[in-house]
Amino acid sequence: MEVKEKLNLETARISWLELERFFAQGIVLNVAESLDLLEAGCAFAKDDTGQVQRWLESGQLGKVTDQQALEWHKLNPELWSVVVRPWILVQDRS
């Protein structure tokens, strides 16, 4: 099974409140709507540091900010997520 197929099967919706403890650990990354969540997950799984760095620099990928976390805490949205250890990649598609 290809990496993308495997990650697709592991992608799920999860509420922000369930993710807050991981946010506190600094391991939750926000994936912009303009970037495919599975594509980002695959880059992490394949250790494609060049691509990940480009997304970080462009702002399409980054740690969830304190301000975003506060907003999500109030709204408790369900986010799409995929785990690529040690990271949890999340995307708000609402």
PDB file of N, CA and C in Angstrom:
ATOM      1  N   MET A   1       0.844  -1.188   0.000  1.00  0.00           N
ATOM      2  CA  MET A   1       0.000   0.000   0.000  1.00  0.00           C
ATOM      3  C   MET A   1       0.887   1.249   0.000  1.00  0.00           C
ATOM      4  N   GLU A   2       0.547   2.189  -0.867  1.00  0.00           N
ATOM      5  CA  GLU A   2       1.308   3.423  -0.964  1.00  0.00           C
ATOM      6  C   GLU A   2       1.086   4.303   0.270  1.00  0.00           C
ATOM      7  N   VAL A   3       2.030   5.192   0.510  1.00  0.00           N
ATOM      8  CA  VAL A   3       1.959   6.092   1.666  1.00  0.00           C
ATOM      9  C   VAL A   3       0.675   6.912   1.625  1.00  0.00           C
ATOM     10  N   LYS A   4       0.346   7.467   0.459  1.00  0.00           N
ATOM     11  CA  LYS A   4      -0.843   8.316   0.354  1.00  0.00           C
ATOM     12  C   LYS A   4      -2.115   7.521   0.658  1.00  0.00           C
ATOM     13  N   GLU A   5      -2.198   6.292   0.165  1.00  0.00           N
ATOM     14  CA  GLU A   5      -3.354   5.436   0.447  1.00  0.00           C
ATOM     15  C   GLU A   5      -3.468   5.170   1.946  1.00  0.00           C
ATOM     16  N   LYS A   6      -2.345   4.835   2.557  1.00  0.00           N
ATOM     17  CA  LYS A   6      -2.321   4.541   3.994  1.00  0.00           C
ATOM     18  C   LYS A   6      -2.778   5.760   4.796  1.00  0.00           C
ATOM     19  N   LEU A   7      -2.233   6.937   4.464  1.00  0.00           N
ATOM     20  CA  LEU A   7      -2.610   8.157   5.179  1.00  0.00           C
ATOM     21  C   LEU A   7      -4.078   8.505   4.948  1.00  0.00           C
ATOM     22  N   ASN A   8      -4.582   8.252   3.741  1.00  0.00           N
ATOM     23  CA  ASN A   8      -5.982   8.529   3.456  1.00  0.00           C
ATOM     24  C   ASN A   8      -6.895   7.711   4.374  1.00  0.00           C
ATOM     25  N   LEU A   9      -6.524   6.472   4.619  1.00  0.00           N
ATOM     26  CA  LEU A   9      -7.312   5.616   5.512  1.00  0.00           C
ATOM     27  C   LEU A   9      -7.235   6.079   6.967  1.00  0.00           C
ATOM     28  N   GLU A  10      -6.168   6.789   7.305  1.00  0.00           N
ATOM     29  CA  GLU A  10      -5.962   7.245   8.685  1.00  0.00           C
ATOM     30  C   GLU A  10      -6.432   8.680   8.907  1.00  0.00           C
ATOM     31  N   THR A  11      -6.911   9.338   7.871  1.00  0.00           N
ATOM     32  CA  THR A  11      -7.393  10.713   7.979  1.00  0.00           C
ATOM     33  C   THR A  11      -8.789  10.697   8.604  1.00  0.00           C
ATOM     34  N   ALA A  12      -9.000  11.606   9.551  1.00  0.00           N
ATOM     35  CA  ALA A  12     -10.295  11.638  10.233  1.00  0.00           C
ATOM     36  C   ALA A  12     -10.595  13.047  10.727  1.00  0.00           C
ATOM     37  N   ARG A  13     -11.853  13.267  11.057  1.00  0.00           N
ATOM     38  CA  ARG A  13     -12.260  14.533  11.656  1.00  0.00           C
ATOM     39  C   ARG A  13     -12.149  14.382  13.173  1.00  0.00           C
ATOM     40  N   ILE A  14     -11.679  15.445  13.809  1.00  0.00           N
ATOM     41  CA  ILE A  14     -11.524  15.442  15.263  1.00  0.00           C
ATOM     42  C   ILE A  14     -11.810  16.842  15.782  1.00  0.00           C
ATOM     43  N   SER A  15     -12.422  16.922  16.936  1.00  0.00           N
ATOM     44  CA  SER A  15     -12.744  18.231  17.496  1.00  0.00           C
ATOM     45  C   SER A  15     -11.481  18.881  18.058  1.00  0.00           C
ATOM     46  N   TRP A  16     -11.473  20.204  18.027  1.00  0.00           N
ATOM     47  CA  TRP A  16     -10.317  20.933  18.540  1.00  0.00           C
ATOM     48  C   TRP A  16     -10.079  20.616  20.010  1.00  0.00           C
ATOM     49  N   LEU A  17     -11.136  20.493  20.792  1.00  0.00           N
ATOM     50  CA  LEU A  17     -10.956  20.233  22.224  1.00  0.00           C
ATOM     51  C   LEU A  17     -10.196  18.928  22.465  1.00  0.00           C
ATOM     52  N   GLU A  18     -10.352  17.965  21.572  1.00  0.00           N
ATOM     53  CA  GLU A  18      -9.603  16.712  21.690  1.00  0.00           C
ATOM     54  C   GLU A  18      -8.132  16.895  21.310  1.00  0.00           C
ATOM     55  N   LEU A  19      -7.848  17.952  20.560  1.00  0.00           N
ATOM     56  CA  LEU A  19      -6.476  18.204  20.108  1.00  0.00           C
ATOM     57  C   LEU A  19      -5.693  19.148  21.010  1.00  0.00           C
ATOM     58  N   GLU A  20      -6.372  19.828  21.926  1.00  0.00           N
ATOM     59  CA  GLU A  20      -5.699  20.865  22.717  1.00  0.00           C
ATOM     60  C   GLU A  20      -4.496  20.356  23.499  1.00  0.00           C
ATOM     61  N   ARG A  21      -4.569  19.158  24.031  1.00  0.00           N
ATOM     62  CA  ARG A  21      -3.413  18.664  24.805  1.00  0.00           C
ATOM     63  C   ARG A  21      -2.194  18.457  23.903  1.00  0.00           C
ATOM     64  N   PHE A  22      -2.445  18.114  22.631  1.00  0.00           N
ATOM     65  CA  PHE A  22      -1.340  17.960  21.686  1.00  0.00           C
ATOM     66  C   PHE A  22      -0.805  19.326  21.257  1.00  0.00           C
ATOM     67  N   PHE A  23      -1.708  20.305  21.150  1.00  0.00           N
ATOM     68  CA  PHE A  23      -1.289  21.679  20.876  1.00  0.00           C
ATOM     69  C   PHE A  23      -0.348  22.145  21.988  1.00  0.00           C
ATOM     70  N   ALA A  24      -0.697  21.841  23.231  1.00  0.00           N
ATOM     71  CA  ALA A  24       0.130  22.236  24.374  1.00  0.00           C
ATOM     72  C   ALA A  24       1.525  21.608  24.291  1.00  0.00           C
ATOM     73  N   GLN A  25       1.626  20.461  23.642  1.00  0.00           N
ATOM     74  CA  GLN A  25       2.918  19.799  23.461  1.00  0.00           C
ATOM     75  C   GLN A  25       3.692  20.361  22.269  1.00  0.00           C
ATOM     76  N   GLY A  26       3.031  21.223  21.482  1.00  0.00           N
ATOM     77  CA  GLY A  26       3.697  21.839  20.337  1.00  0.00           C
ATOM     78  C   GLY A  26       3.814  20.953  19.116  1.00  0.00           C
ATOM     79  N   ILE A  27       2.916  19.962  18.985  1.00  0.00           N
ATOM     80  CA  ILE A  27       3.051  19.013  17.875  1.00  0.00           C
ATOM     81  C   ILE A  27       1.910  19.094  16.860  1.00  0.00           C
ATOM     82  N   VAL A  28       1.078  20.132  16.950  1.00  0.00           N
ATOM     83  CA  VAL A  28      -0.026  20.289  15.997  1.00  0.00           C
ATOM     84  C   VAL A  28       0.357  21.335  14.950  1.00  0.00           C
ATOM     85  N   LEU A  29       0.287  20.924  13.689  1.00  0.00           N
ATOM     86  CA  LEU A  29       0.613  21.816  12.584  1.00  0.00           C
ATOM     87  C   LEU A  29      -0.645  22.107  11.774  1.00  0.00           C
ATOM     88  N   ASN A  30      -0.818  23.357  11.419  1.00  0.00           N
ATOM     89  CA  ASN A  30      -1.966  23.790  10.630  1.00  0.00           C
ATOM     90  C   ASN A  30      -1.598  23.755   9.148  1.00  0.00           C
ATOM     91  N   VAL A  31      -2.440  23.107   8.360  1.00  0.00           N
ATOM     92  CA  VAL A  31      -2.252  23.017   6.917  1.00  0.00           C
ATOM     93  C   VAL A  31      -3.285  23.944   6.275  1.00  0.00           C
ATOM     94  N   ALA A  32      -2.823  24.900   5.486  1.00  0.00           N
ATOM     95  CA  ALA A  32      -3.722  25.852   4.825  1.00  0.00           C
ATOM     96  C   ALA A  32      -4.675  25.117   3.890  1.00  0.00           C
ATOM     97  N   GLU A  33      -5.853  25.719   3.684  1.00  0.00           N
ATOM     98  CA  GLU A  33      -6.847  25.122   2.777  1.00  0.00           C
ATOM     99  C   GLU A  33      -6.310  24.973   1.363  1.00  0.00           C
ATOM    100  N   SER A  34      -5.364  25.822   0.996  1.00  0.00           N
ATOM    101  CA  SER A  34      -4.802  25.786  -0.358  1.00  0.00           C
ATOM    102  C   SER A  34      -3.864  24.596  -0.579  1.00  0.00           C
ATOM    103  N   LEU A  35      -3.538  23.888   0.485  1.00  0.00           N
ATOM    104  CA  LEU A  35      -2.622  22.751   0.409  1.00  0.00           C
ATOM    105  C   LEU A  35      -3.389  21.473   0.725  1.00  0.00           C
ATOM    106  N   ASP A  36      -3.157  20.438  -0.051  1.00  0.00           N
ATOM    107  CA  ASP A  36      -3.801  19.150   0.173  1.00  0.00           C
ATOM    108  C   ASP A  36      -3.233  18.503   1.440  1.00  0.00           C
ATOM    109  N   LEU A  37      -4.119  18.162   2.359  1.00  0.00           N
ATOM    110  CA  LEU A  37      -3.702  17.571   3.641  1.00  0.00           C
ATOM    111  C   LEU A  37      -2.907  16.290   3.432  1.00  0.00           C
ATOM    112  N   LEU A  38      -3.364  15.450   2.526  1.00  0.00           N
ATOM    113  CA  LEU A  38      -2.649  14.192   2.268  1.00  0.00           C
ATOM    114  C   LEU A  38      -1.285  14.429   1.633  1.00  0.00           C
ATOM    115  N   GLU A  39      -1.203  15.416   0.755  1.00  0.00           N
ATOM    116  CA  GLU A  39       0.084  15.750   0.147  1.00  0.00           C
ATOM    117  C   GLU A  39       1.079  16.186   1.223  1.00  0.00           C
ATOM    118  N   ALA A  40       0.592  17.009   2.156  1.00  0.00           N
ATOM    119  CA  ALA A  40       1.456  17.440   3.261  1.00  0.00           C
ATOM    120  C   ALA A  40       1.872  16.244   4.109  1.00  0.00           C
ATOM    121  N   GLY A  41       0.920  15.381   4.430  1.00  0.00           N
ATOM    122  CA  GLY A  41       1.238  14.191   5.213  1.00  0.00           C
ATOM    123  C   GLY A  41       2.268  13.307   4.532  1.00  0.00           C
ATOM    124  N   CYS A  42       2.131  13.142   3.229  1.00  0.00           N
ATOM    125  CA  CYS A  42       3.084  12.325   2.472  1.00  0.00           C
ATOM    126  C   CYS A  42       4.486  12.918   2.525  1.00  0.00           C
ATOM    127  N   ALA A  43       4.578  14.236   2.416  1.00  0.00           N
ATOM    128  CA  ALA A  43       5.894  14.882   2.475  1.00  0.00           C
ATOM    129  C   ALA A  43       6.567  14.611   3.818  1.00  0.00           C
ATOM    130  N   PHE A  44       5.774  14.653   4.902  1.00  0.00           N
ATOM    131  CA  PHE A  44       6.333  14.344   6.222  1.00  0.00           C
ATOM    132  C   PHE A  44       6.738  12.877   6.301  1.00  0.00           C
ATOM    133  N   ALA A  45       5.857  11.998   5.832  1.00  0.00           N
ATOM    134  CA  ALA A  45       6.129  10.558   5.906  1.00  0.00           C
ATOM    135  C   ALA A  45       7.368  10.175   5.106  1.00  0.00           C
ATOM    136  N   LYS A  46       7.590  10.867   3.990  1.00  0.00           N
ATOM    137  CA  LYS A  46       8.746  10.580   3.137  1.00  0.00           C
ATOM    138  C   LYS A  46       9.966  11.407   3.518  1.00  0.00           C
ATOM    139  N   ASP A  47       9.837  12.186   4.586  1.00  0.00           N
ATOM    140  CA  ASP A  47      10.918  13.039   5.078  1.00  0.00           C
ATOM    141  C   ASP A  47      11.433  13.985   3.992  1.00  0.00           C
ATOM    142  N   ASP A  48      10.499  14.572   3.241  1.00  0.00           N
ATOM    143  CA  ASP A  48      10.835  15.522   2.180  1.00  0.00           C
ATOM    144  C   ASP A  48      11.004  16.906   2.800  1.00  0.00           C
ATOM    145  N   THR A  49      12.141  17.113   3.446  1.00  0.00           N
ATOM    146  CA  THR A  49      12.369  18.355   4.187  1.00  0.00           C
ATOM    147  C   THR A  49      12.379  19.583   3.284  1.00  0.00           C
ATOM    148  N   GLY A  50      12.812  19.429   2.053  1.00  0.00           N
ATOM    149  CA  GLY A  50      12.825  20.563   1.125  1.00  0.00           C
ATOM    150  C   GLY A  50      11.420  21.085   0.864  1.00  0.00           C
ATOM    151  N   GLN A  51      10.491  20.175   0.582  1.00  0.00           N
ATOM    152  CA  GLN A  51       9.112  20.581   0.321  1.00  0.00           C
ATOM    153  C   GLN A  51       8.461  21.148   1.578  1.00  0.00           C
ATOM    154  N   VAL A  52       8.667  20.491   2.705  1.00  0.00           N
ATOM    155  CA  VAL A  52       8.096  20.976   3.970  1.00  0.00           C
ATOM    156  C   VAL A  52       8.616  22.383   4.261  1.00  0.00           C
ATOM    157  N   GLN A  53       9.896  22.603   4.044  1.00  0.00           N
ATOM    158  CA  GLN A  53      10.486  23.926   4.278  1.00  0.00           C
ATOM    159  C   GLN A  53       9.845  24.982   3.379  1.00  0.00           C
ATOM    160  N   ARG A  54       9.605  24.638   2.118  1.00  0.00           N
ATOM    161  CA  ARG A  54       8.957  25.586   1.195  1.00  0.00           C
ATOM    162  C   ARG A  54       7.550  25.941   1.685  1.00  0.00           C
ATOM    163  N   TRP A  55       6.799  24.956   2.165  1.00  0.00           N
ATOM    164  CA  TRP A  55       5.455  25.226   2.687  1.00  0.00           C
ATOM    165  C   TRP A  55       5.518  26.085   3.943  1.00  0.00           C
ATOM    166  N   LEU A  56       6.493  25.824   4.800  1.00  0.00           N
ATOM    167  CA  LEU A  56       6.665  26.635   6.012  1.00  0.00           C
ATOM    168  C   LEU A  56       6.958  28.086   5.629  1.00  0.00           C
ATOM    169  N   GLU A  57       7.855  28.273   4.679  1.00  0.00           N
ATOM    170  CA  GLU A  57       8.238  29.615   4.248  1.00  0.00           C
ATOM    171  C   GLU A  57       7.084  30.355   3.573  1.00  0.00           C
ATOM    172  N   SER A  58       6.235  29.623   2.854  1.00  0.00           N
ATOM    173  CA  SER A  58       5.115  30.255   2.145  1.00  0.00           C
ATOM    174  C   SER A  58       3.916  30.493   3.063  1.00  0.00           C
ATOM    175  N   GLY A  59       3.953  29.914   4.270  1.00  0.00           N
ATOM    176  CA  GLY A  59       2.839  30.070   5.200  1.00  0.00           C
ATOM    177  C   GLY A  59       1.718  29.070   4.981  1.00  0.00           C
ATOM    178  N   GLN A  60       1.910  28.121   4.071  1.00  0.00           N
ATOM    179  CA  GLN A  60       0.885  27.102   3.841  1.00  0.00           C
ATOM    180  C   GLN A  60       0.884  26.043   4.941  1.00  0.00           C
ATOM    181  N   LEU A  61       1.911  26.042   5.751  1.00  0.00           N
ATOM    182  CA  LEU A  61       2.072  25.068   6.820  1.00  0.00           C
ATOM    183  C   LEU A  61       2.747  25.765   7.987  1.00  0.00           C
ATOM    184  N   GLY A  62       2.318  25.463   9.186  1.00  0.00           N
ATOM    185  CA  GLY A  62       2.963  26.050  10.354  1.00  0.00           C
ATOM    186  C   GLY A  62       2.322  25.576  11.634  1.00  0.00           C
ATOM    187  N   LYS A  63       2.993  25.845  12.724  1.00  0.00           N
ATOM    188  CA  LYS A  63       2.419  25.497  14.025  1.00  0.00           C
ATOM    189  C   LYS A  63       1.151  26.310  14.242  1.00  0.00           C
ATOM    190  N   VAL A  64       0.195  25.704  14.900  1.00  0.00           N
ATOM    191  CA  VAL A  64      -1.035  26.419  15.243  1.00  0.00           C
ATOM    192  C   VAL A  64      -0.642  27.540  16.201  1.00  0.00           C
ATOM    193  N   THR A  65      -1.070  28.755  15.894  1.00  0.00           N
ATOM    194  CA  THR A  65      -0.729  29.898  16.735  1.00  0.00           C
ATOM    195  C   THR A  65      -1.616  29.921  17.974  1.00  0.00           C
ATOM    196  N   ASP A  66      -1.173  30.657  18.991  1.00  0.00           N
ATOM    197  CA  ASP A  66      -1.987  30.807  20.193  1.00  0.00           C
ATOM    198  C   ASP A  66      -3.327  31.452  19.859  1.00  0.00           C
ATOM    199  N   GLN A  67      -3.314  32.441  18.971  1.00  0.00           N
ATOM    200  CA  GLN A  67      -4.550  33.130  18.582  1.00  0.00           C
ATOM    201  C   GLN A  67      -5.516  32.161  17.888  1.00  0.00           C
ATOM    202  N   GLN A  68      -4.989  31.327  16.984  1.00  0.00           N
ATOM    203  CA  GLN A  68      -5.837  30.341  16.304  1.00  0.00           C
ATOM    204  C   GLN A  68      -6.389  29.342  17.308  1.00  0.00           C
ATOM    205  N   ALA A  69      -5.561  28.916  18.243  1.00  0.00           N
ATOM    206  CA  ALA A  69      -5.998  27.958  19.260  1.00  0.00           C
ATOM    207  C   ALA A  69      -7.121  28.536  20.119  1.00  0.00           C
ATOM    208  N   LEU A  70      -7.010  29.816  20.475  1.00  0.00           N
ATOM    209  CA  LEU A  70      -8.066  30.459  21.254  1.00  0.00           C
ATOM    210  C   LEU A  70      -9.376  30.519  20.475  1.00  0.00           C
ATOM    211  N   GLU A  71      -9.284  30.867  19.202  1.00  0.00           N
ATOM    212  CA  GLU A  71     -10.482  30.927  18.362  1.00  0.00           C
ATOM    213  C   GLU A  71     -11.119  29.544  18.254  1.00  0.00           C
ATOM    214  N   TRP A  72     -10.287  28.533  18.007  1.00  0.00           N
ATOM    215  CA  TRP A  72     -10.804  27.171  17.892  1.00  0.00           C
ATOM    216  C   TRP A  72     -11.353  26.673  19.227  1.00  0.00           C
ATOM    217  N   HIS A  73     -10.768  27.124  20.328  1.00  0.00           N
ATOM    218  CA  HIS A  73     -11.283  26.726  21.635  1.00  0.00           C
ATOM    219  C   HIS A  73     -12.721  27.227  21.821  1.00  0.00           C
ATOM    220  N   LYS A  74     -12.962  28.455  21.381  1.00  0.00           N
ATOM    221  CA  LYS A  74     -14.314  29.030  21.487  1.00  0.00           C
ATOM    222  C   LYS A  74     -15.304  28.317  20.575  1.00  0.00           C
ATOM    223  N   LEU A  75     -14.871  28.003  19.367  1.00  0.00           N
ATOM    224  CA  LEU A  75     -15.770  27.426  18.357  1.00  0.00           C
ATOM    225  C   LEU A  75     -15.810  25.901  18.363  1.00  0.00           C
ATOM    226  N   ASN A  76     -14.758  25.276  18.865  1.00  0.00           N
ATOM    227  CA  ASN A  76     -14.575  23.825  18.863  1.00  0.00           C
ATOM    228  C   ASN A  76     -14.945  23.186  17.520  1.00  0.00           C
ATOM    229  N   PRO A  77     -14.300  23.616  16.429  1.00  0.00           N
ATOM    230  CA  PRO A  77     -14.618  23.031  15.129  1.00  0.00           C
ATOM    231  C   PRO A  77     -14.101  21.601  15.019  1.00  0.00           C
ATOM    232  N   GLU A  78     -14.695  20.859  14.103  1.00  0.00           N
ATOM    233  CA  GLU A  78     -14.136  19.559  13.753  1.00  0.00           C
ATOM    234  C   GLU A  78     -13.147  19.819  12.629  1.00  0.00           C
ATOM    235  N   LEU A  79     -11.929  19.378  12.818  1.00  0.00           N
ATOM    236  CA  LEU A  79     -10.854  19.589  11.859  1.00  0.00           C
ATOM    237  C   LEU A  79     -10.495  18.253  11.208  1.00  0.00           C
ATOM    238  N   TRP A  80     -10.090  18.315   9.961  1.00  0.00           N
ATOM    239  CA  TRP A  80      -9.543  17.123   9.339  1.00  0.00           C
ATOM    240  C   TRP A  80      -8.128  16.945   9.886  1.00  0.00           C
ATOM    241  N   SER A  81      -7.761  15.729  10.182  1.00  0.00           N
ATOM    242  CA  SER A  81      -6.438  15.499  10.761  1.00  0.00           C
ATOM    243  C   SER A  81      -5.827  14.202  10.246  1.00  0.00           C
ATOM    244  N   VAL A  82      -4.523  14.185  10.261  1.00  0.00           N
ATOM    245  CA  VAL A  82      -3.758  12.984   9.969  1.00  0.00           C
ATOM    246  C   VAL A  82      -2.499  13.031  10.832  1.00  0.00           C
ATOM    247  N   VAL A  83      -2.138  11.895  11.369  1.00  0.00           N
ATOM    248  CA  VAL A  83      -0.965  11.809  12.241  1.00  0.00           C
ATOM    249  C   VAL A  83       0.211  11.250  11.442  1.00  0.00           C
ATOM    250  N   VAL A  84       1.310  11.997  11.459  1.00  0.00           N
ATOM    251  CA  VAL A  84       2.581  11.523  10.921  1.00  0.00           C
ATOM    252  C   VAL A  84       3.577  11.808  12.035  1.00  0.00           C
ATOM    253  N   ARG A  85       3.775  10.819  12.865  1.00  0.00           N
ATOM    254  CA  ARG A  85       4.548  11.013  14.094  1.00  0.00           C
ATOM    255  C   ARG A  85       5.851  11.730  13.853  1.00  0.00           C
ATOM    256  N   PRO A  86       6.180  12.679  14.707  1.00  0.00           N
ATOM    257  CA  PRO A  86       5.489  13.064  15.944  1.00  0.00           C
ATOM    258  C   PRO A  86       4.405  14.114  15.728  1.00  0.00           C
ATOM    259  N   TRP A  87       4.126  14.469  14.483  1.00  0.00           N
ATOM    260  CA  TRP A  87       3.228  15.577  14.184  1.00  0.00           C
ATOM    261  C   TRP A  87       1.787  15.147  13.989  1.00  0.00           C
ATOM    262  N   ILE A  88       0.876  16.074  14.296  1.00  0.00           N
ATOM    263  CA  ILE A  88      -0.527  15.935  13.951  1.00  0.00           C
ATOM    264  C   ILE A  88      -0.829  17.108  13.023  1.00  0.00           C
ATOM    265  N   LEU A  89      -1.160  16.775  11.783  1.00  0.00           N
ATOM    266  CA  LEU A  89      -1.485  17.802  10.799  1.00  0.00           C
ATOM    267  C   LEU A  89      -2.993  18.017  10.807  1.00  0.00           C
ATOM    268  N   VAL A  90      -3.415  19.260  10.882  1.00  0.00           N
ATOM    269  CA  VAL A  90      -4.842  19.564  10.916  1.00  0.00           C
ATOM    270  C   VAL A  90      -5.175  20.583   9.831  1.00  0.00           C
ATOM    271  N   GLN A  91      -6.440  20.522   9.399  1.00  0.00           N
ATOM    272  CA  GLN A  91      -6.910  21.458   8.385  1.00  0.00           C
ATOM    273  C   GLN A  91      -8.371  21.793   8.673  1.00  0.00           C
ATOM    274  N   ASP A  92      -8.649  23.077   8.701  1.00  0.00           N
ATOM    275  CA  ASP A  92     -10.020  23.557   8.918  1.00  0.00           C
ATOM    276  C   ASP A  92     -10.646  23.793   7.555  1.00  0.00           C
ATOM    277  N   ARG A  93     -11.635  23.000   7.221  1.00  0.00           N
ATOM    278  CA  ARG A  93     -12.300  23.129   5.917  1.00  0.00           C
ATOM    279  C   ARG A  93     -13.714  23.669   6.069  1.00  0.00           C
ATOM    280  N   SER A  94     -13.996  24.325   7.188  1.00  0.00           N
ATOM    281  CA  SER A  94     -15.363  24.802   7.414  1.00  0.00           C
ATOM    282  C   SER A  94     -15.690  26.048   6.634  1.00  0.00           C
TER     283      SER A  94
END
